[in-house]
Every structure is written in structure tokens, then in C-alpha cells.
N, C-alpha and C. Protein backbone atom coordinates (compact mmCIF):
# COMPACT_ATOMS: atom_id res chain seq x y z
N MET A 1 0.83 29.22 2.43
CA MET A 1 0.40 28.54 1.22
C MET A 1 -0.31 27.24 1.63
N THR A 2 -1.55 27.07 1.15
CA THR A 2 -2.30 25.85 1.47
C THR A 2 -1.74 24.68 0.67
N ARG A 3 -2.14 23.49 1.06
CA ARG A 3 -1.61 22.32 0.36
C ARG A 3 -2.11 22.25 -1.08
N LYS A 4 -3.32 22.77 -1.34
CA LYS A 4 -3.84 22.80 -2.71
C LYS A 4 -3.02 23.77 -3.56
N GLU A 5 -2.70 24.93 -3.00
CA GLU A 5 -1.89 25.91 -3.73
C GLU A 5 -0.48 25.37 -3.97
N LYS A 6 0.06 24.68 -2.97
CA LYS A 6 1.39 24.09 -3.12
C LYS A 6 1.37 23.02 -4.22
N PHE A 7 0.32 22.23 -4.25
CA PHE A 7 0.18 21.19 -5.27
C PHE A 7 0.11 21.81 -6.67
N VAL A 8 -0.70 22.85 -6.85
CA VAL A 8 -0.83 23.51 -8.15
C VAL A 8 0.50 24.14 -8.55
N HIS A 9 1.22 24.71 -7.59
CA HIS A 9 2.54 25.29 -7.88
C HIS A 9 3.50 24.20 -8.37
N GLN A 10 3.50 23.04 -7.71
CA GLN A 10 4.36 21.94 -8.13
C GLN A 10 3.97 21.43 -9.51
N LEU A 11 2.66 21.36 -9.80
CA LEU A 11 2.21 20.94 -11.13
C LEU A 11 2.70 21.91 -12.20
N ASN A 12 2.57 23.20 -11.94
CA ASN A 12 3.01 24.21 -12.92
C ASN A 12 4.51 24.15 -13.17
N ASN A 13 5.28 23.74 -12.18
CA ASN A 13 6.74 23.63 -12.33
C ASN A 13 7.17 22.25 -12.82
N PHE A 14 6.20 21.41 -13.19
CA PHE A 14 6.46 20.06 -13.70
C PHE A 14 7.32 19.22 -12.75
N GLU A 15 7.03 19.35 -11.45
CA GLU A 15 7.71 18.53 -10.45
C GLU A 15 6.96 17.22 -10.30
N ARG A 16 7.66 16.18 -9.94
CA ARG A 16 7.02 14.88 -9.71
C ARG A 16 6.37 14.89 -8.33
N ILE A 17 5.08 14.54 -8.28
CA ILE A 17 4.32 14.57 -7.04
C ILE A 17 3.75 13.17 -6.79
N GLU A 18 4.18 12.54 -5.72
CA GLU A 18 3.66 11.22 -5.35
C GLU A 18 2.26 11.40 -4.77
N ILE A 19 1.27 10.72 -5.33
CA ILE A 19 -0.09 10.85 -4.82
C ILE A 19 -0.62 9.57 -4.19
N SER A 20 0.07 8.45 -4.41
CA SER A 20 -0.40 7.19 -3.85
C SER A 20 0.75 6.20 -3.79
N SER A 21 0.80 5.44 -2.71
CA SER A 21 1.78 4.38 -2.56
C SER A 21 1.05 3.14 -2.08
N PHE A 22 1.39 1.98 -2.62
CA PHE A 22 0.60 0.78 -2.33
C PHE A 22 1.27 -0.22 -1.41
N HIS A 23 2.54 -0.16 -1.20
CA HIS A 23 3.25 -1.26 -0.56
C HIS A 23 2.70 -1.65 0.81
N ARG A 24 2.66 -0.76 1.73
CA ARG A 24 2.25 -1.08 3.09
C ARG A 24 0.76 -1.45 3.15
N LYS A 25 -0.08 -0.64 2.54
CA LYS A 25 -1.52 -0.87 2.57
C LYS A 25 -1.89 -2.16 1.84
N ARG A 26 -1.23 -2.44 0.73
CA ARG A 26 -1.53 -3.63 -0.06
C ARG A 26 -1.26 -4.90 0.73
N LYS A 27 -0.13 -4.93 1.40
CA LYS A 27 0.21 -6.13 2.18
C LYS A 27 -0.78 -6.35 3.32
N LEU A 28 -1.16 -5.29 4.01
CA LEU A 28 -2.13 -5.42 5.09
C LEU A 28 -3.50 -5.85 4.56
N LEU A 29 -3.90 -5.29 3.44
CA LEU A 29 -5.19 -5.63 2.84
C LEU A 29 -5.22 -7.09 2.41
N LEU A 30 -4.17 -7.55 1.73
CA LEU A 30 -4.11 -8.95 1.30
C LEU A 30 -4.09 -9.91 2.48
N LEU A 31 -3.32 -9.59 3.49
CA LEU A 31 -3.24 -10.43 4.67
C LEU A 31 -4.60 -10.54 5.35
N ALA A 32 -5.30 -9.44 5.49
CA ALA A 32 -6.62 -9.45 6.13
C ALA A 32 -7.63 -10.25 5.31
N ILE A 33 -7.64 -10.08 4.01
CA ILE A 33 -8.60 -10.79 3.16
C ILE A 33 -8.32 -12.29 3.16
N VAL A 34 -7.08 -12.67 2.97
CA VAL A 34 -6.75 -14.11 2.92
C VAL A 34 -7.00 -14.75 4.28
N THR A 35 -6.65 -14.09 5.36
CA THR A 35 -6.91 -14.63 6.70
C THR A 35 -8.41 -14.81 6.92
N GLY A 36 -9.19 -13.82 6.50
CA GLY A 36 -10.65 -13.93 6.63
C GLY A 36 -11.21 -15.08 5.81
N LEU A 37 -10.72 -15.23 4.58
CA LEU A 37 -11.19 -16.33 3.74
C LEU A 37 -10.85 -17.69 4.35
N VAL A 38 -9.64 -17.84 4.82
CA VAL A 38 -9.23 -19.11 5.43
C VAL A 38 -10.06 -19.39 6.68
N LEU A 39 -10.27 -18.40 7.52
CA LEU A 39 -11.03 -18.57 8.74
C LEU A 39 -12.48 -18.97 8.45
N ILE A 40 -13.13 -18.25 7.55
CA ILE A 40 -14.53 -18.55 7.22
C ILE A 40 -14.65 -19.94 6.60
N HIS A 41 -13.77 -20.27 5.68
CA HIS A 41 -13.86 -21.58 5.02
C HIS A 41 -13.49 -22.71 5.98
N SER A 42 -12.60 -22.47 6.92
CA SER A 42 -12.26 -23.50 7.91
C SER A 42 -13.44 -23.78 8.84
N ILE A 43 -14.10 -22.72 9.29
CA ILE A 43 -15.27 -22.89 10.16
C ILE A 43 -16.37 -23.65 9.43
N LEU A 44 -16.62 -23.27 8.19
CA LEU A 44 -17.65 -23.96 7.41
C LEU A 44 -17.26 -25.42 7.14
N ALA A 45 -16.00 -25.67 6.89
CA ALA A 45 -15.55 -27.04 6.62
C ALA A 45 -15.70 -27.91 7.87
N LEU A 46 -15.41 -27.36 9.04
CA LEU A 46 -15.56 -28.13 10.28
C LEU A 46 -17.03 -28.44 10.57
N ASN A 47 -17.92 -27.51 10.25
CA ASN A 47 -19.34 -27.74 10.49
C ASN A 47 -19.95 -28.71 9.48
N LEU A 48 -19.40 -28.78 8.27
CA LEU A 48 -19.95 -29.63 7.22
C LEU A 48 -19.07 -30.83 6.91
N PHE A 49 -18.22 -31.23 7.82
CA PHE A 49 -17.21 -32.26 7.58
C PHE A 49 -17.76 -33.60 7.11
N PRO A 50 -18.86 -34.13 7.64
CA PRO A 50 -19.27 -35.49 7.26
C PRO A 50 -19.56 -35.67 5.77
N SER A 51 -19.95 -34.67 5.07
CA SER A 51 -20.33 -34.82 3.67
C SER A 51 -19.24 -34.29 2.75
N ILE A 52 -18.99 -34.98 1.64
CA ILE A 52 -17.92 -34.59 0.71
C ILE A 52 -18.37 -33.46 -0.23
N VAL A 53 -19.67 -33.42 -0.57
CA VAL A 53 -20.16 -32.40 -1.51
C VAL A 53 -19.97 -30.98 -0.96
N PRO A 54 -20.34 -30.70 0.29
CA PRO A 54 -20.08 -29.35 0.81
C PRO A 54 -18.59 -29.00 0.88
N LEU A 55 -17.74 -30.00 1.15
CA LEU A 55 -16.30 -29.73 1.19
C LEU A 55 -15.77 -29.35 -0.19
N VAL A 56 -16.23 -30.04 -1.22
CA VAL A 56 -15.81 -29.70 -2.58
C VAL A 56 -16.32 -28.31 -2.95
N THR A 57 -17.55 -28.00 -2.56
CA THR A 57 -18.11 -26.68 -2.81
C THR A 57 -17.29 -25.60 -2.11
N LEU A 58 -16.90 -25.85 -0.87
CA LEU A 58 -16.08 -24.90 -0.13
C LEU A 58 -14.71 -24.73 -0.78
N LEU A 59 -14.14 -25.82 -1.26
CA LEU A 59 -12.83 -25.75 -1.92
C LEU A 59 -12.91 -24.91 -3.19
N VAL A 60 -13.94 -25.14 -4.00
CA VAL A 60 -14.13 -24.36 -5.23
C VAL A 60 -14.37 -22.89 -4.89
N SER A 61 -15.16 -22.64 -3.86
CA SER A 61 -15.42 -21.28 -3.42
C SER A 61 -14.14 -20.59 -2.98
N PHE A 62 -13.32 -21.28 -2.20
CA PHE A 62 -12.07 -20.71 -1.71
C PHE A 62 -11.12 -20.39 -2.86
N VAL A 63 -10.99 -21.30 -3.81
CA VAL A 63 -10.11 -21.08 -4.96
C VAL A 63 -10.61 -19.90 -5.79
N THR A 64 -11.91 -19.82 -6.01
CA THR A 64 -12.49 -18.72 -6.79
C THR A 64 -12.26 -17.38 -6.10
N LEU A 65 -12.53 -17.31 -4.81
CA LEU A 65 -12.34 -16.06 -4.08
C LEU A 65 -10.86 -15.65 -4.04
N THR A 66 -9.98 -16.62 -3.90
CA THR A 66 -8.55 -16.32 -3.91
C THR A 66 -8.12 -15.77 -5.27
N LYS A 67 -8.65 -16.34 -6.33
CA LYS A 67 -8.35 -15.86 -7.68
C LYS A 67 -8.83 -14.42 -7.87
N ILE A 68 -10.01 -14.12 -7.35
CA ILE A 68 -10.55 -12.76 -7.45
C ILE A 68 -9.65 -11.78 -6.69
N VAL A 69 -9.23 -12.15 -5.49
CA VAL A 69 -8.36 -11.29 -4.68
C VAL A 69 -7.04 -11.04 -5.39
N LEU A 70 -6.45 -12.08 -5.99
CA LEU A 70 -5.18 -11.91 -6.69
C LEU A 70 -5.34 -11.05 -7.95
N THR A 71 -6.50 -11.14 -8.60
CA THR A 71 -6.76 -10.31 -9.77
C THR A 71 -6.87 -8.84 -9.36
N VAL A 72 -7.56 -8.57 -8.28
CA VAL A 72 -7.65 -7.20 -7.77
C VAL A 72 -6.27 -6.70 -7.35
N ASP A 73 -5.47 -7.58 -6.77
CA ASP A 73 -4.12 -7.20 -6.35
C ASP A 73 -3.28 -6.74 -7.52
N LYS A 74 -3.49 -7.32 -8.69
CA LYS A 74 -2.70 -6.93 -9.86
C LYS A 74 -3.06 -5.53 -10.36
N THR A 75 -4.25 -5.03 -10.01
CA THR A 75 -4.64 -3.70 -10.48
C THR A 75 -4.26 -2.60 -9.50
N ILE A 76 -3.79 -2.96 -8.30
CA ILE A 76 -3.37 -1.95 -7.33
C ILE A 76 -2.05 -1.34 -7.80
N SER A 77 -2.00 -0.02 -7.82
CA SER A 77 -0.83 0.69 -8.33
C SER A 77 -0.46 1.84 -7.41
N SER A 78 0.80 2.25 -7.52
CA SER A 78 1.20 3.52 -6.91
C SER A 78 1.19 4.54 -8.03
N ALA A 79 1.00 5.80 -7.68
CA ALA A 79 0.86 6.82 -8.72
C ALA A 79 1.61 8.08 -8.38
N ALA A 80 2.02 8.75 -9.43
CA ALA A 80 2.67 10.06 -9.32
C ALA A 80 2.22 10.90 -10.51
N ILE A 81 2.21 12.19 -10.31
CA ILE A 81 1.87 13.11 -11.38
C ILE A 81 3.08 13.99 -11.65
N LYS A 82 3.39 14.13 -12.93
CA LYS A 82 4.45 15.05 -13.34
C LYS A 82 3.94 15.80 -14.56
N GLY A 83 3.61 17.05 -14.34
CA GLY A 83 3.01 17.83 -15.42
C GLY A 83 1.63 17.29 -15.74
N ASP A 84 1.38 16.98 -17.02
CA ASP A 84 0.09 16.42 -17.40
C ASP A 84 0.15 14.90 -17.55
N SER A 85 1.21 14.28 -17.02
CA SER A 85 1.37 12.83 -17.11
C SER A 85 1.06 12.16 -15.78
N LEU A 86 0.38 11.03 -15.87
CA LEU A 86 0.12 10.19 -14.70
C LEU A 86 1.02 8.97 -14.83
N ILE A 87 1.86 8.75 -13.83
CA ILE A 87 2.82 7.65 -13.84
C ILE A 87 2.32 6.60 -12.86
N LEU A 88 2.07 5.39 -13.36
CA LEU A 88 1.57 4.30 -12.52
C LEU A 88 2.61 3.19 -12.48
N LYS A 89 2.72 2.56 -11.33
CA LYS A 89 3.60 1.40 -11.17
C LYS A 89 2.80 0.36 -10.41
N ASN A 90 2.56 -0.79 -11.04
CA ASN A 90 1.73 -1.80 -10.39
C ASN A 90 2.56 -2.74 -9.53
N THR A 91 1.91 -3.73 -8.95
CA THR A 91 2.56 -4.62 -8.00
C THR A 91 3.59 -5.54 -8.65
N GLN A 92 3.53 -5.70 -9.98
CA GLN A 92 4.53 -6.51 -10.68
C GLN A 92 5.67 -5.65 -11.22
N ASN A 93 5.79 -4.42 -10.71
CA ASN A 93 6.82 -3.45 -11.09
C ASN A 93 6.77 -3.07 -12.57
N GLU A 94 5.57 -3.09 -13.16
CA GLU A 94 5.39 -2.63 -14.52
C GLU A 94 4.98 -1.16 -14.48
N ASN A 95 5.67 -0.35 -15.26
CA ASN A 95 5.36 1.08 -15.29
C ASN A 95 4.41 1.38 -16.43
N CYS A 96 3.59 2.39 -16.23
CA CYS A 96 2.64 2.84 -17.24
C CYS A 96 2.56 4.36 -17.13
N VAL A 97 2.75 5.04 -18.25
CA VAL A 97 2.68 6.49 -18.26
C VAL A 97 1.57 6.89 -19.22
N THR A 98 0.64 7.69 -18.74
CA THR A 98 -0.47 8.15 -19.55
C THR A 98 -0.76 9.61 -19.22
N SER A 99 -1.52 10.25 -20.05
CA SER A 99 -1.91 11.63 -19.82
C SER A 99 -3.11 11.67 -18.87
N VAL A 100 -3.21 12.70 -18.06
CA VAL A 100 -4.37 12.83 -17.18
C VAL A 100 -5.63 13.07 -18.00
N LYS A 101 -5.49 13.50 -19.24
CA LYS A 101 -6.63 13.71 -20.13
C LYS A 101 -7.25 12.39 -20.57
N SER A 102 -6.51 11.30 -20.52
CA SER A 102 -7.03 10.01 -20.98
C SER A 102 -7.88 9.30 -19.93
N ILE A 103 -7.97 9.85 -18.73
CA ILE A 103 -8.75 9.22 -17.66
C ILE A 103 -10.23 9.45 -17.94
N ARG A 104 -10.99 8.36 -18.01
CA ARG A 104 -12.41 8.43 -18.35
C ARG A 104 -13.31 8.40 -17.11
N LYS A 105 -13.01 7.56 -16.15
CA LYS A 105 -13.84 7.43 -14.95
C LYS A 105 -12.95 7.37 -13.72
N MET A 106 -13.46 7.97 -12.66
CA MET A 106 -12.78 7.89 -11.37
C MET A 106 -13.83 7.76 -10.28
N LYS A 107 -13.54 6.89 -9.32
CA LYS A 107 -14.40 6.74 -8.15
C LYS A 107 -13.49 6.68 -6.93
N ALA A 108 -13.93 7.29 -5.86
CA ALA A 108 -13.17 7.25 -4.61
C ALA A 108 -14.10 6.84 -3.49
N LYS A 109 -13.63 5.89 -2.67
CA LYS A 109 -14.39 5.45 -1.50
C LYS A 109 -13.44 5.43 -0.31
N ARG A 110 -13.97 5.83 0.82
CA ARG A 110 -13.17 5.81 2.04
C ARG A 110 -13.57 4.60 2.86
N ILE A 111 -12.58 3.78 3.20
CA ILE A 111 -12.78 2.61 4.05
C ILE A 111 -11.86 2.80 5.25
N GLY A 112 -12.44 3.21 6.37
CA GLY A 112 -11.64 3.52 7.54
C GLY A 112 -10.75 4.71 7.25
N LYS A 113 -9.45 4.56 7.46
CA LYS A 113 -8.50 5.64 7.20
C LYS A 113 -7.95 5.58 5.78
N THR A 114 -8.34 4.58 5.02
CA THR A 114 -7.81 4.39 3.67
C THR A 114 -8.80 4.86 2.62
N THR A 115 -8.30 5.57 1.65
CA THR A 115 -9.12 5.98 0.51
C THR A 115 -8.75 5.09 -0.67
N VAL A 116 -9.76 4.45 -1.26
CA VAL A 116 -9.57 3.58 -2.41
C VAL A 116 -10.09 4.33 -3.62
N THR A 117 -9.20 4.65 -4.55
CA THR A 117 -9.57 5.38 -5.75
C THR A 117 -9.40 4.46 -6.95
N SER A 118 -10.47 4.29 -7.70
CA SER A 118 -10.45 3.45 -8.89
C SER A 118 -10.48 4.36 -10.11
N ILE A 119 -9.54 4.14 -11.03
CA ILE A 119 -9.52 4.95 -12.25
C ILE A 119 -9.56 4.05 -13.47
N GLN A 120 -10.23 4.52 -14.51
CA GLN A 120 -10.25 3.85 -15.81
C GLN A 120 -9.71 4.83 -16.83
N PHE A 121 -8.80 4.36 -17.67
CA PHE A 121 -8.19 5.24 -18.65
C PHE A 121 -7.91 4.48 -19.93
N ASN A 122 -7.71 5.24 -20.99
CA ASN A 122 -7.37 4.65 -22.29
C ASN A 122 -5.88 4.81 -22.52
N LEU A 123 -5.26 3.72 -22.98
CA LEU A 123 -3.84 3.77 -23.32
C LEU A 123 -3.63 2.87 -24.52
N ASP A 124 -3.10 3.43 -25.59
CA ASP A 124 -2.84 2.70 -26.83
C ASP A 124 -4.09 2.00 -27.36
N GLY A 125 -5.22 2.67 -27.25
CA GLY A 125 -6.46 2.13 -27.79
C GLY A 125 -7.15 1.08 -26.95
N SER A 126 -6.63 0.80 -25.77
CA SER A 126 -7.28 -0.19 -24.90
C SER A 126 -7.65 0.45 -23.57
N LYS A 127 -8.71 -0.06 -22.98
CA LYS A 127 -9.16 0.44 -21.68
C LYS A 127 -8.39 -0.28 -20.59
N ARG A 128 -7.90 0.48 -19.63
CA ARG A 128 -7.17 -0.09 -18.50
C ARG A 128 -7.76 0.43 -17.20
N LYS A 129 -7.49 -0.31 -16.13
CA LYS A 129 -7.96 0.07 -14.80
C LYS A 129 -6.80 0.06 -13.83
N ALA A 130 -6.92 0.90 -12.81
CA ALA A 130 -5.93 0.92 -11.73
C ALA A 130 -6.65 1.29 -10.44
N ILE A 131 -6.16 0.74 -9.35
CA ILE A 131 -6.69 1.06 -8.02
C ILE A 131 -5.57 1.72 -7.24
N LEU A 132 -5.86 2.88 -6.66
CA LEU A 132 -4.89 3.63 -5.88
C LEU A 132 -5.31 3.62 -4.42
N LEU A 133 -4.41 3.26 -3.53
CA LEU A 133 -4.67 3.25 -2.09
C LEU A 133 -3.91 4.41 -1.46
N SER A 134 -4.58 5.15 -0.59
CA SER A 134 -3.90 6.24 0.11
C SER A 134 -4.53 6.41 1.48
N ASP A 135 -3.80 7.09 2.35
CA ASP A 135 -4.35 7.39 3.67
C ASP A 135 -4.36 8.90 3.87
N ASN A 136 -4.83 9.33 5.01
CA ASN A 136 -5.01 10.77 5.26
C ASN A 136 -3.70 11.52 5.41
N SER A 137 -2.58 10.83 5.55
CA SER A 137 -1.30 11.51 5.74
C SER A 137 -0.72 12.05 4.44
N GLU A 138 -1.31 11.68 3.31
CA GLU A 138 -0.82 12.17 2.02
C GLU A 138 -1.04 13.68 1.93
N VAL A 139 -0.25 14.34 1.11
CA VAL A 139 -0.37 15.78 0.92
C VAL A 139 -1.74 16.11 0.33
N ILE A 140 -2.15 15.34 -0.68
CA ILE A 140 -3.44 15.54 -1.33
C ILE A 140 -3.97 14.18 -1.77
N GLU A 141 -5.27 14.00 -1.70
CA GLU A 141 -5.89 12.72 -2.08
C GLU A 141 -5.72 12.50 -3.59
N PRO A 142 -5.57 11.25 -4.04
CA PRO A 142 -5.40 10.98 -5.47
C PRO A 142 -6.54 11.54 -6.33
N TYR A 143 -7.77 11.39 -5.87
CA TYR A 143 -8.92 11.88 -6.63
C TYR A 143 -8.82 13.39 -6.85
N GLU A 144 -8.53 14.12 -5.78
CA GLU A 144 -8.39 15.58 -5.88
C GLU A 144 -7.21 15.96 -6.76
N ALA A 145 -6.11 15.24 -6.62
CA ALA A 145 -4.90 15.55 -7.39
C ALA A 145 -5.13 15.36 -8.88
N ILE A 146 -5.76 14.27 -9.25
CA ILE A 146 -5.99 14.01 -10.68
C ILE A 146 -7.00 15.01 -11.24
N ARG A 147 -8.06 15.30 -10.48
CA ARG A 147 -9.05 16.30 -10.94
C ARG A 147 -8.39 17.67 -11.12
N SER A 148 -7.54 18.05 -10.19
CA SER A 148 -6.85 19.34 -10.31
C SER A 148 -5.95 19.38 -11.53
N ALA A 149 -5.23 18.29 -11.77
CA ALA A 149 -4.35 18.22 -12.93
C ALA A 149 -5.16 18.25 -14.22
N GLN A 150 -6.31 17.59 -14.23
CA GLN A 150 -7.16 17.62 -15.43
C GLN A 150 -7.66 19.03 -15.71
N ARG A 151 -8.07 19.74 -14.67
CA ARG A 151 -8.55 21.12 -14.85
C ARG A 151 -7.43 22.04 -15.31
N LEU A 152 -6.24 21.86 -14.74
CA LEU A 152 -5.11 22.72 -15.06
C LEU A 152 -4.62 22.51 -16.49
N PHE A 153 -4.60 21.26 -16.95
CA PHE A 153 -4.06 20.96 -18.28
C PHE A 153 -5.16 20.70 -19.29
N LYS A 154 -6.34 21.24 -19.05
CA LYS A 154 -7.48 21.04 -19.94
C LYS A 154 -7.27 21.72 -21.30
N LYS A 155 -6.47 22.71 -21.33
CA LYS A 155 -6.24 23.54 -22.53
C LYS A 155 -5.91 22.74 -23.76
């Protein structure tokens, strides 16, 4: 039985299938981004030290970039599929359950060994976003898993 067939069998039996986990990848990603920001801004600050205007500009830039990184961090979620439901848990331990039919857009990009899948879905009349991180060791990629579930429960 191939992994795709096994996945479809689990979906038909309404078993919970983990398709993405964020803990390890999220911490490494945040550490790398913040370290890079600090390093770049420190080098620029040392080169532009005599003048106060470039330092203030660098400080504003650093705060803005940090805010953007933290905002993206809030959208990173782990995901599981059970039947036609997509179960998301974000970094603040907030759970969200929606139907795979409510997903409007999905994009997947591979960065090294990590696949970053961005999904947009409707829940209670509002548009929401989630980012799923996965690596090649997963049974099935999140993009493939959600597409398969959508096709299976299209009825």
C-alpha cells in the first residue's frame, strides 16, 4: 500500500492524521531570522555610528522588521485532518476547526528541506490565514493532504 493509498484509507475511516507540526521548525526559523536581523543592523550601526539620523533609522527598521516576524509567527500553525475537518493549532495554543471545503487558496513553496504551505480559509464569515511548516519526513505533504481531502469530500 502506497502512502497516498494509506492516507486515503485513513481519511475514509475518519482517523486523525497529523500533516504538519511547527514546534521545532518554528523555533529554528525565528532564531535564524532574529539573529540575521541583529547581525545586519549591528554591522550597519557600527559603520554609521557618527551620525544619529542613520541610527534612528536603523532602530525603526529593526523594530518594524521584528514586528513583521512576530506577526508571521502568529500565523504558523500545526495541522491535522480528521474526516472532512481541518484542525489547526497556532503558536498561542488556540485551536481552530474548519472544513476542508472552506479553504479558498493554498500555496506551497519549498525552502531547503522545509515546505512552507500557506492556506486561506473562511471561518464564521471572516477570512483567516495559516502557515504550515513540514519537512520531507512527513507521511504526506500538507498541500497534497488537503487537496486529497477536498477531492474525497467534494460530494
